[in-house]
Amino acid sequence: MSKIVVVDDSYAELQLIEGCLKGANHTVVSLPNSDKLEEKMAIEKPDLIVLDVVMPGRNGFQTCRDLRNDDRCKDIPIILCTSKGNESDKFWGQQQGANGYVVKPFKSDDLLAAVKKVLS
């Protein structure tokens, strides 16, 4: 189906998200941080990025904004998948250019619905 890059600093979360997406026949590339993500996206050419917000160094909001300002990846849809579930967080994510927002802990169906919505 689709090639999805997942960025999360938690190995357990990476495994959970990866399993959910692979179970729906997506190809998944997992990354433990957003270091040099823009360059990696130019190589990987994914259909979608699932991005954690709370990460050391450059957080997901900053990363999302940076991706939107990079010609190599500005058109790749982004879903923020995070424990930050306040309405203000969702609004801020949207302001940074996110196409979707999933709050952890999530049900597999919720993540897959967000992926389907963003990719359709």
C-alpha atoms as a PDB file:
ATOM      1  CA  MET A   1       0.000   0.000   0.000  1.00  0.00           C
ATOM      2  CA  SER A   2       1.812   3.105   1.262  1.00  0.00           C
ATOM      3  CA  LYS A   3       5.313   3.810   2.504  1.00  0.00           C
ATOM      4  CA  ILE A   4       5.185   5.449   5.926  1.00  0.00           C
ATOM      5  CA  VAL A   5       8.066   6.854   7.962  1.00  0.00           C
ATOM      6  CA  VAL A   6       7.500   6.740  11.729  1.00  0.00           C
ATOM      7  CA  VAL A   7       9.603   8.950  14.017  1.00  0.00           C
ATOM      8  CA  ASP A   8       9.441   8.332  17.770  1.00  0.00           C
ATOM      9  CA  ASP A   9      12.164   8.308  20.429  1.00  0.00           C
ATOM     10  CA  SER A  10      10.420   5.471  22.318  1.00  0.00           C
ATOM     11  CA  TYR A  11      11.347   2.026  21.002  1.00  0.00           C
ATOM     12  CA  ALA A  12       8.123   0.574  22.432  1.00  0.00           C
ATOM     13  CA  GLU A  13       6.009   3.213  20.666  1.00  0.00           C
ATOM     14  CA  LEU A  14       7.890   2.639  17.411  1.00  0.00           C
ATOM     15  CA  GLN A  15       7.155  -1.078  17.660  1.00  0.00           C
ATOM     16  CA  LEU A  16       3.483  -0.469  18.439  1.00  0.00           C
ATOM     17  CA  ILE A  17       2.928   1.975  15.576  1.00  0.00           C
ATOM     18  CA  GLU A  18       4.986  -0.113  13.161  1.00  0.00           C
ATOM     19  CA  GLY A  19       2.996  -3.257  14.006  1.00  0.00           C
ATOM     20  CA  CYS A  20      -0.297  -1.467  13.512  1.00  0.00           C
ATOM     21  CA  LEU A  21       0.716  -0.056  10.131  1.00  0.00           C
ATOM     22  CA  LYS A  22       2.360  -3.241   8.862  1.00  0.00           C
ATOM     23  CA  GLY A  23      -0.776  -5.135   9.876  1.00  0.00           C
ATOM     24  CA  ALA A  24      -2.640  -2.913   7.417  1.00  0.00           C
ATOM     25  CA  ASN A  25      -0.096  -3.779   4.675  1.00  0.00           C
ATOM     26  CA  HIS A  26       1.873  -0.531   4.767  1.00  0.00           C
ATOM     27  CA  THR A  27       5.645  -0.441   4.350  1.00  0.00           C
ATOM     28  CA  VAL A  28       7.191   1.175   7.431  1.00  0.00           C
ATOM     29  CA  VAL A  29      10.547   2.867   7.988  1.00  0.00           C
ATOM     30  CA  SER A  30      11.149   3.554  11.707  1.00  0.00           C
ATOM     31  CA  LEU A  31      13.449   6.289  12.978  1.00  0.00           C
ATOM     32  CA  PRO A  32      14.350   6.994  16.635  1.00  0.00           C
ATOM     33  CA  ASN A  33      14.748  10.772  16.178  1.00  0.00           C
ATOM     34  CA  SER A  34      14.316  13.617  13.732  1.00  0.00           C
ATOM     35  CA  ASP A  35      18.040  14.174  13.110  1.00  0.00           C
ATOM     36  CA  LYS A  36      18.573  14.934   9.418  1.00  0.00           C
ATOM     37  CA  LEU A  37      14.974  13.881   8.747  1.00  0.00           C
ATOM     38  CA  GLU A  38      14.603  16.177   5.756  1.00  0.00           C
ATOM     39  CA  GLU A  39      17.553  14.525   4.016  1.00  0.00           C
ATOM     40  CA  LYS A  40      16.227  11.055   4.846  1.00  0.00           C
ATOM     41  CA  MET A  41      12.794  11.967   3.436  1.00  0.00           C
ATOM     42  CA  ALA A  42      14.357  13.003   0.152  1.00  0.00           C
ATOM     43  CA  ILE A  43      15.891   9.508  -0.071  1.00  0.00           C
ATOM     44  CA  GLU A  44      12.976   7.457   1.316  1.00  0.00           C
ATOM     45  CA  LYS A  45      10.234   9.383  -0.527  1.00  0.00           C
ATOM     46  CA  PRO A  46       7.448   8.246   1.808  1.00  0.00           C
ATOM     47  CA  ASP A  47       3.732   8.745   1.245  1.00  0.00           C
ATOM     48  CA  LEU A  48       3.272   9.810   4.887  1.00  0.00           C
ATOM     49  CA  ILE A  49       5.183  10.689   8.065  1.00  0.00           C
ATOM     50  CA  VAL A  50       3.906   9.749  11.534  1.00  0.00           C
ATOM     51  CA  LEU A  51       5.725  12.002  13.954  1.00  0.00           C
ATOM     52  CA  ASP A  52       5.932  12.058  17.748  1.00  0.00           C
ATOM     53  CA  VAL A  53       5.893  15.494  19.369  1.00  0.00           C
ATOM     54  CA  VAL A  54       7.723  14.937  22.664  1.00  0.00           C
ATOM     55  CA  MET A  55      11.295  14.083  21.664  1.00  0.00           C
ATOM     56  CA  PRO A  56      14.704  15.288  22.859  1.00  0.00           C
ATOM     57  CA  GLY A  57      16.372  17.889  20.705  1.00  0.00           C
ATOM     58  CA  ARG A  58      14.052  19.065  17.956  1.00  0.00           C
ATOM     59  CA  ASN A  59      10.476  18.291  18.999  1.00  0.00           C
ATOM     60  CA  GLY A  60       7.705  17.200  16.647  1.00  0.00           C
ATOM     61  CA  PHE A  61       6.157  20.658  16.297  1.00  0.00           C
ATOM     62  CA  GLN A  62       9.526  22.112  15.249  1.00  0.00           C
ATOM     63  CA  THR A  63      10.183  19.156  12.945  1.00  0.00           C
ATOM     64  CA  CYS A  64       6.779  19.497  11.306  1.00  0.00           C
ATOM     65  CA  ARG A  65       7.382  23.197  10.682  1.00  0.00           C
ATOM     66  CA  ASP A  66      10.862  22.481   9.298  1.00  0.00           C
ATOM     67  CA  LEU A  67       9.487  19.807   6.949  1.00  0.00           C
ATOM     68  CA  ARG A  68       6.866  22.242   5.644  1.00  0.00           C
ATOM     69  CA  ASN A  69       9.613  24.770   4.878  1.00  0.00           C
ATOM     70  CA  ASP A  70      11.788  22.266   2.989  1.00  0.00           C
ATOM     71  CA  ASP A  71      11.042  21.939  -0.725  1.00  0.00           C
ATOM     72  CA  ARG A  72      12.111  18.274  -0.676  1.00  0.00           C
ATOM     73  CA  CYS A  73       9.358  17.250   1.727  1.00  0.00           C
ATOM     74  CA  LYS A  74       6.856  20.078   2.038  1.00  0.00           C
ATOM     75  CA  ASP A  75       4.114  18.054   0.315  1.00  0.00           C
ATOM     76  CA  ILE A  76       4.460  14.849   2.363  1.00  0.00           C
ATOM     77  CA  PRO A  77       1.450  14.519   4.695  1.00  0.00           C
ATOM     78  CA  ILE A  78       2.244  14.444   8.427  1.00  0.00           C
ATOM     79  CA  ILE A  79       0.291  12.907  11.283  1.00  0.00           C
ATOM     80  CA  LEU A  80       1.380  13.941  14.755  1.00  0.00           C
ATOM     81  CA  CYS A  81       1.032  10.986  17.131  1.00  0.00           C
ATOM     82  CA  THR A  82       1.586  12.193  20.680  1.00  0.00           C
ATOM     83  CA  SER A  83       0.590  12.155  24.323  1.00  0.00           C
ATOM     84  CA  LYS A  84      -0.112  15.907  24.088  1.00  0.00           C
ATOM     85  CA  GLY A  85      -3.904  15.795  23.823  1.00  0.00           C
ATOM     86  CA  ASN A  86      -5.062  19.313  24.713  1.00  0.00           C
ATOM     87  CA  GLU A  87      -7.062  21.241  22.138  1.00  0.00           C
ATOM     88  CA  SER A  88      -4.338  23.909  22.169  1.00  0.00           C
ATOM     89  CA  ASP A  89      -1.761  21.226  21.245  1.00  0.00           C
ATOM     90  CA  LYS A  90      -3.923  20.009  18.357  1.00  0.00           C
ATOM     91  CA  PHE A  91      -4.414  23.580  17.175  1.00  0.00           C
ATOM     92  CA  TRP A  92      -0.674  24.284  17.410  1.00  0.00           C
ATOM     93  CA  GLY A  93       0.080  21.090  15.470  1.00  0.00           C
ATOM     94  CA  GLN A  94      -2.278  22.201  12.733  1.00  0.00           C
ATOM     95  CA  GLN A  95      -0.597  25.624  12.690  1.00  0.00           C
ATOM     96  CA  GLN A  96       2.774  23.903  12.157  1.00  0.00           C
ATOM     97  CA  GLY A  97       1.420  22.097   9.085  1.00  0.00           C
ATOM     98  CA  ALA A  98       0.232  18.725  10.398  1.00  0.00           C
ATOM     99  CA  ASN A  99      -2.462  16.997   8.361  1.00  0.00           C
ATOM    100  CA  GLY A 100      -3.660  14.795  11.213  1.00  0.00           C
ATOM    101  CA  TYR A 101      -3.371  14.331  14.968  1.00  0.00           C
ATOM    102  CA  VAL A 102      -3.635  11.116  17.007  1.00  0.00           C
ATOM    103  CA  VAL A 103      -3.427  11.149  20.800  1.00  0.00           C
ATOM    104  CA  LYS A 104      -1.542   8.404  22.670  1.00  0.00           C
ATOM    105  CA  PRO A 105      -2.564   5.980  23.935  1.00  0.00           C
ATOM    106  CA  PHE A 106      -4.520   5.248  20.780  1.00  0.00           C
ATOM    107  CA  LYS A 107      -6.544   2.390  19.382  1.00  0.00           C
ATOM    108  CA  SER A 108      -5.198   0.842  16.186  1.00  0.00           C
ATOM    109  CA  ASP A 109      -8.438   1.753  14.440  1.00  0.00           C
ATOM    110  CA  ASP A 110      -7.925   5.434  15.315  1.00  0.00           C
ATOM    111  CA  LEU A 111      -4.427   5.515  13.849  1.00  0.00           C
ATOM    112  CA  LEU A 112      -5.482   3.616  10.730  1.00  0.00           C
ATOM    113  CA  ALA A 113      -8.481   5.918  10.249  1.00  0.00           C
ATOM    114  CA  ALA A 114      -6.202   8.969  10.456  1.00  0.00           C
ATOM    115  CA  VAL A 115      -3.805   7.389   7.946  1.00  0.00           C
ATOM    116  CA  LYS A 116      -6.638   6.557   5.559  1.00  0.00           C
ATOM    117  CA  LYS A 117      -8.082  10.078   5.830  1.00  0.00           C
ATOM    118  CA  VAL A 118      -4.753  11.772   5.180  1.00  0.00           C
ATOM    119  CA  LEU A 119      -3.823   9.507   2.268  1.00  0.00           C
ATOM    120  CA  SER A 120      -7.186   9.640   0.497  1.00  0.00           C
END
